Each structure stands twice: as C-alpha cells, then as structure tokens.
N, C-alpha and C. Protein backbone atom coordinates (compact mmCIF):
# COMPACT_ATOMS: atom_id res chain seq x y z
N UNK A 1 -20.06 3.31 29.47
CA UNK A 1 -19.16 2.13 29.30
C UNK A 1 -17.80 2.60 29.12
N UNK A 2 -16.84 1.76 29.54
CA UNK A 2 -15.48 2.00 29.30
C UNK A 2 -14.91 1.54 28.03
N UNK A 3 -13.65 1.66 27.70
CA UNK A 3 -13.07 1.03 26.52
C UNK A 3 -12.92 -0.49 26.57
N UNK A 4 -13.78 -1.11 25.76
CA UNK A 4 -13.72 -2.49 25.69
C UNK A 4 -12.92 -3.11 24.59
N UNK A 5 -12.19 -4.12 24.84
CA UNK A 5 -11.42 -4.90 23.82
C UNK A 5 -12.13 -6.14 23.59
N UNK A 6 -12.47 -6.33 22.19
CA UNK A 6 -13.04 -7.61 21.85
C UNK A 6 -12.15 -8.73 21.89
N UNK A 7 -12.64 -9.98 21.87
CA UNK A 7 -11.83 -11.10 21.72
C UNK A 7 -10.98 -11.21 20.65
N UNK A 8 -11.56 -10.79 19.45
CA UNK A 8 -10.71 -10.91 18.22
C UNK A 8 -9.41 -9.98 18.39
N UNK A 9 -9.68 -8.92 18.94
CA UNK A 9 -8.41 -7.93 19.05
C UNK A 9 -7.38 -8.43 19.97
N UNK A 10 -7.99 -9.11 21.15
CA UNK A 10 -7.14 -9.68 21.96
C UNK A 10 -6.28 -10.89 21.39
N UNK A 11 -6.79 -11.68 20.56
CA UNK A 11 -6.14 -12.78 19.97
C UNK A 11 -5.15 -12.18 18.90
N UNK A 12 -5.57 -11.16 18.22
CA UNK A 12 -4.58 -10.43 17.28
C UNK A 12 -3.37 -9.91 18.02
N UNK A 13 -3.60 -9.35 19.14
CA UNK A 13 -2.48 -8.73 19.98
C UNK A 13 -1.59 -9.78 20.46
N UNK A 14 -2.20 -10.91 20.97
CA UNK A 14 -1.51 -12.16 21.41
C UNK A 14 -0.46 -12.57 20.23
N UNK A 15 -1.12 -12.81 19.12
CA UNK A 15 -0.29 -13.25 17.98
C UNK A 15 0.78 -12.26 17.48
N UNK A 16 0.53 -11.03 17.48
CA UNK A 16 1.43 -9.99 17.11
C UNK A 16 2.66 -9.98 18.16
N UNK A 17 2.21 -9.99 19.42
CA UNK A 17 3.24 -10.00 20.44
C UNK A 17 4.10 -11.13 20.50
N UNK A 18 3.59 -12.34 20.24
CA UNK A 18 4.42 -13.58 20.18
C UNK A 18 5.40 -13.41 19.04
N UNK A 19 4.97 -12.96 17.85
CA UNK A 19 5.63 -12.86 16.63
C UNK A 19 6.85 -11.79 16.84
N UNK A 20 6.54 -10.77 17.46
CA UNK A 20 7.55 -9.74 17.65
C UNK A 20 8.59 -10.15 18.70
N UNK A 21 8.17 -11.03 19.71
CA UNK A 21 9.12 -11.41 20.72
C UNK A 21 10.07 -12.51 20.13
N UNK A 22 9.50 -13.47 19.30
CA UNK A 22 10.17 -14.64 18.77
C UNK A 22 10.01 -14.79 17.26
N UNK A 23 10.54 -13.90 16.52
CA UNK A 23 10.26 -13.88 15.04
C UNK A 23 11.05 -15.02 14.33
N UNK A 24 12.08 -15.58 14.98
CA UNK A 24 12.92 -16.61 14.31
C UNK A 24 12.23 -17.90 14.69
N UNK A 25 11.36 -18.13 15.67
CA UNK A 25 10.79 -19.38 15.91
C UNK A 25 9.48 -19.61 15.25
N UNK A 26 8.79 -18.52 14.70
CA UNK A 26 7.66 -18.61 13.96
C UNK A 26 7.91 -19.08 12.46
N UNK A 27 7.05 -19.99 12.04
CA UNK A 27 7.38 -20.52 10.62
C UNK A 27 6.00 -20.47 9.80
N UNK A 28 6.13 -20.75 8.57
CA UNK A 28 4.89 -20.77 7.73
C UNK A 28 4.02 -22.07 7.87
N UNK A 29 4.51 -23.01 8.70
CA UNK A 29 3.90 -24.31 9.00
C UNK A 29 2.98 -24.12 10.22
N UNK A 30 1.70 -24.51 10.06
CA UNK A 30 0.64 -24.29 11.08
C UNK A 30 1.01 -25.26 12.34
N UNK A 31 1.35 -26.55 12.03
CA UNK A 31 1.51 -27.40 13.06
C UNK A 31 2.87 -27.03 13.83
N UNK A 32 3.80 -26.61 13.35
CA UNK A 32 5.01 -26.21 14.10
C UNK A 32 4.62 -24.99 14.90
N UNK A 33 3.79 -24.08 14.46
CA UNK A 33 3.52 -22.83 15.18
C UNK A 33 2.51 -23.28 16.28
N UNK A 34 1.77 -24.22 16.16
CA UNK A 34 0.87 -24.67 17.19
C UNK A 34 1.68 -25.23 18.31
N UNK A 35 2.54 -25.96 18.14
CA UNK A 35 3.46 -26.49 19.21
C UNK A 35 4.22 -25.23 19.82
N UNK A 36 4.62 -24.34 19.10
CA UNK A 36 5.34 -23.03 19.61
C UNK A 36 4.42 -22.31 20.51
N UNK A 37 3.18 -22.01 20.02
CA UNK A 37 2.19 -21.30 20.88
C UNK A 37 1.89 -22.01 22.11
N UNK A 38 1.65 -23.40 21.97
CA UNK A 38 1.39 -24.11 23.14
C UNK A 38 2.44 -24.10 24.29
N UNK A 39 3.71 -24.09 23.89
CA UNK A 39 4.72 -24.02 24.81
C UNK A 39 5.02 -22.58 25.39
N UNK A 40 4.61 -21.54 24.66
CA UNK A 40 4.86 -20.17 25.20
C UNK A 40 3.72 -19.52 25.79
N UNK A 41 2.39 -19.92 25.48
CA UNK A 41 1.37 -19.41 26.13
C UNK A 41 0.63 -20.52 26.97
N UNK A 42 0.06 -19.99 28.04
CA UNK A 42 -0.63 -20.89 28.98
C UNK A 42 -2.15 -21.04 28.63
N UNK A 43 -2.41 -21.52 27.33
CA UNK A 43 -3.85 -21.49 26.99
C UNK A 43 -4.29 -22.96 27.01
N UNK A 44 -5.38 -23.13 27.73
CA UNK A 44 -5.95 -24.56 27.78
C UNK A 44 -6.92 -24.77 26.81
N UNK A 45 -7.52 -23.84 26.22
CA UNK A 45 -8.64 -23.93 25.16
C UNK A 45 -8.06 -24.12 23.89
N UNK A 46 -8.30 -25.29 23.24
CA UNK A 46 -7.81 -25.65 21.91
C UNK A 46 -8.19 -24.66 20.84
N UNK A 47 -9.51 -24.15 20.87
CA UNK A 47 -9.96 -23.28 19.95
C UNK A 47 -9.14 -21.93 19.91
N UNK A 48 -8.91 -21.44 21.06
CA UNK A 48 -8.20 -20.12 21.12
C UNK A 48 -6.79 -20.25 20.65
N UNK A 49 -6.16 -21.44 21.15
CA UNK A 49 -4.83 -21.56 20.69
C UNK A 49 -4.66 -21.76 19.24
N UNK A 50 -5.66 -22.34 18.51
CA UNK A 50 -5.69 -22.53 17.08
C UNK A 50 -5.99 -21.23 16.30
N UNK A 51 -6.67 -20.34 16.89
CA UNK A 51 -6.88 -19.05 16.42
C UNK A 51 -5.66 -18.25 16.37
N UNK A 52 -4.93 -18.12 17.50
CA UNK A 52 -3.77 -17.48 17.66
C UNK A 52 -2.73 -18.06 16.67
N UNK A 53 -2.66 -19.35 16.63
CA UNK A 53 -1.64 -19.97 15.65
C UNK A 53 -1.96 -19.71 14.29
N UNK A 54 -3.22 -19.74 13.98
CA UNK A 54 -3.67 -19.20 12.56
C UNK A 54 -3.30 -17.88 12.22
N UNK A 55 -3.52 -16.93 13.16
CA UNK A 55 -3.17 -15.64 12.93
C UNK A 55 -1.67 -15.33 12.66
N UNK A 56 -0.80 -16.09 13.50
CA UNK A 56 0.55 -15.98 13.22
C UNK A 56 0.95 -16.55 11.95
N UNK A 57 0.48 -17.82 11.51
CA UNK A 57 0.80 -18.32 10.17
C UNK A 57 0.31 -17.51 9.17
N UNK A 58 -0.86 -16.92 9.20
CA UNK A 58 -1.46 -16.09 8.21
C UNK A 58 -0.51 -14.87 7.96
N UNK A 59 -0.06 -14.15 8.92
CA UNK A 59 0.84 -13.02 8.88
C UNK A 59 2.12 -13.36 8.41
N UNK A 60 2.68 -14.46 8.74
CA UNK A 60 3.97 -14.85 8.13
C UNK A 60 3.87 -15.06 6.71
N UNK A 61 2.83 -15.76 6.28
CA UNK A 61 2.66 -16.16 4.80
C UNK A 61 2.38 -14.71 4.08
N UNK A 62 1.75 -13.84 4.74
CA UNK A 62 1.35 -12.49 4.10
C UNK A 62 2.54 -11.77 3.82
N UNK A 63 3.49 -11.75 4.88
CA UNK A 63 4.79 -11.00 4.65
C UNK A 63 5.71 -11.67 3.67
N UNK A 64 5.79 -12.97 3.53
CA UNK A 64 6.50 -13.69 2.59
C UNK A 64 5.93 -13.28 1.20
N UNK A 65 4.65 -13.30 0.98
CA UNK A 65 4.06 -13.07 -0.32
C UNK A 65 4.35 -11.62 -0.74
N UNK A 66 4.28 -10.70 0.28
CA UNK A 66 4.50 -9.25 -0.12
C UNK A 66 6.02 -9.04 -0.51
N UNK A 67 6.98 -9.69 0.24
CA UNK A 67 8.45 -9.70 -0.19
C UNK A 67 8.57 -10.27 -1.64
N UNK A 68 7.95 -11.29 -1.97
CA UNK A 68 7.99 -12.07 -3.24
C UNK A 68 7.46 -10.97 -4.37
N UNK A 69 6.39 -10.33 -4.04
CA UNK A 69 5.86 -9.33 -5.00
C UNK A 69 6.75 -8.15 -5.21
N UNK A 70 7.30 -7.68 -4.22
CA UNK A 70 8.28 -6.57 -4.31
C UNK A 70 9.51 -6.88 -5.07
N UNK A 71 9.99 -8.15 -4.83
CA UNK A 71 11.12 -8.66 -5.56
C UNK A 71 10.80 -8.70 -7.14
N UNK A 72 9.63 -9.13 -7.53
CA UNK A 72 9.22 -9.28 -8.86
C UNK A 72 9.09 -7.86 -9.42
N UNK A 73 8.57 -6.97 -8.69
CA UNK A 73 8.47 -5.51 -9.21
C UNK A 73 9.85 -4.85 -9.45
N UNK A 74 10.69 -5.11 -8.51
CA UNK A 74 12.14 -4.64 -8.74
C UNK A 74 12.84 -5.27 -9.97
N UNK A 75 12.62 -6.57 -10.13
CA UNK A 75 13.22 -7.22 -11.33
C UNK A 75 12.66 -6.67 -12.56
N UNK A 76 11.27 -6.41 -12.65
CA UNK A 76 10.68 -5.84 -13.85
C UNK A 76 11.23 -4.33 -14.17
N UNK A 77 11.44 -3.73 -12.96
CA UNK A 77 12.05 -2.26 -13.42
C UNK A 77 13.39 -2.27 -14.01
N UNK A 78 14.12 -3.35 -13.56
CA UNK A 78 15.60 -3.39 -14.03
C UNK A 78 15.55 -4.02 -15.43
N UNK A 79 14.66 -4.99 -15.67
CA UNK A 79 14.62 -5.60 -16.92
C UNK A 79 14.18 -4.74 -18.14
N UNK A 80 13.11 -3.73 -17.75
CA UNK A 80 12.69 -2.84 -18.82
C UNK A 80 13.64 -1.80 -19.20
N UNK A 81 14.56 -1.43 -18.31
CA UNK A 81 15.52 -0.39 -18.66
C UNK A 81 16.86 -1.03 -19.25
N UNK A 82 16.93 -0.94 -20.47
CA UNK A 82 18.11 -1.60 -21.15
C UNK A 82 19.08 -0.46 -21.40
N UNK A 83 20.36 -0.87 -21.31
CA UNK A 83 21.42 0.22 -21.62
C UNK A 83 21.62 0.40 -23.14
N UNK A 84 21.46 -0.67 -23.86
CA UNK A 84 21.65 -0.66 -25.30
C UNK A 84 20.36 -0.32 -26.06
N UNK A 85 20.56 0.66 -26.94
CA UNK A 85 19.44 1.07 -27.68
C UNK A 85 19.27 0.20 -28.90
N UNK A 86 18.08 -0.52 -29.02
CA UNK A 86 18.01 -1.65 -29.96
C UNK A 86 17.75 -1.10 -31.42
N UNK A 87 17.09 0.13 -31.54
CA UNK A 87 16.75 0.69 -32.74
C UNK A 87 17.84 1.53 -33.23
N UNK A 88 18.56 1.07 -34.28
CA UNK A 88 19.57 1.94 -34.86
C UNK A 88 19.54 1.83 -36.51
C-alpha cells in the first residue's frame, strides 16, 4: 500500500493553508470564519466545512493565548528585577 493521507490530516492541511494564505481574514469568531471558508473553498458538505472552520478558529485562539502567556511571562521577568535595593 502507498502513502495514505487520512481525512483528518486533509482537513488540517486545508485549514492551515487557508490561514497561511489569508491570515488577516481569519478571526476568533466561528461564524465569521464559516462565511470565509464557504466563500474560499468549494465545499458542499456542511460537516466538512464546519470541521475546517473549527480548526481555523481553534488555531487562532491557541496562538492568541500563547501570545498572552508570553507577554505575562515577560512582564513577570521585568517586575521581579528591581533596580533599587530595598534592604539597606
């Protein structure tokens, strides 16, 4: 047997490719992304469209949360290092 690609991998590739081509048009909102996916992909099946839309929305929210966590870590680093020595 040859190299088979599963449906899940195909959906993930579609979602990633769409996001890489149009990162400014993808949002955190599922309903807006659903309209975007419907207009850019010729998918007749509602279930597949919703799976791809959900993957895009999930990835955008994941990236936003990672950025928020990184900002909090950076703020903690700077707040812990004080220039003034408090014990004198």
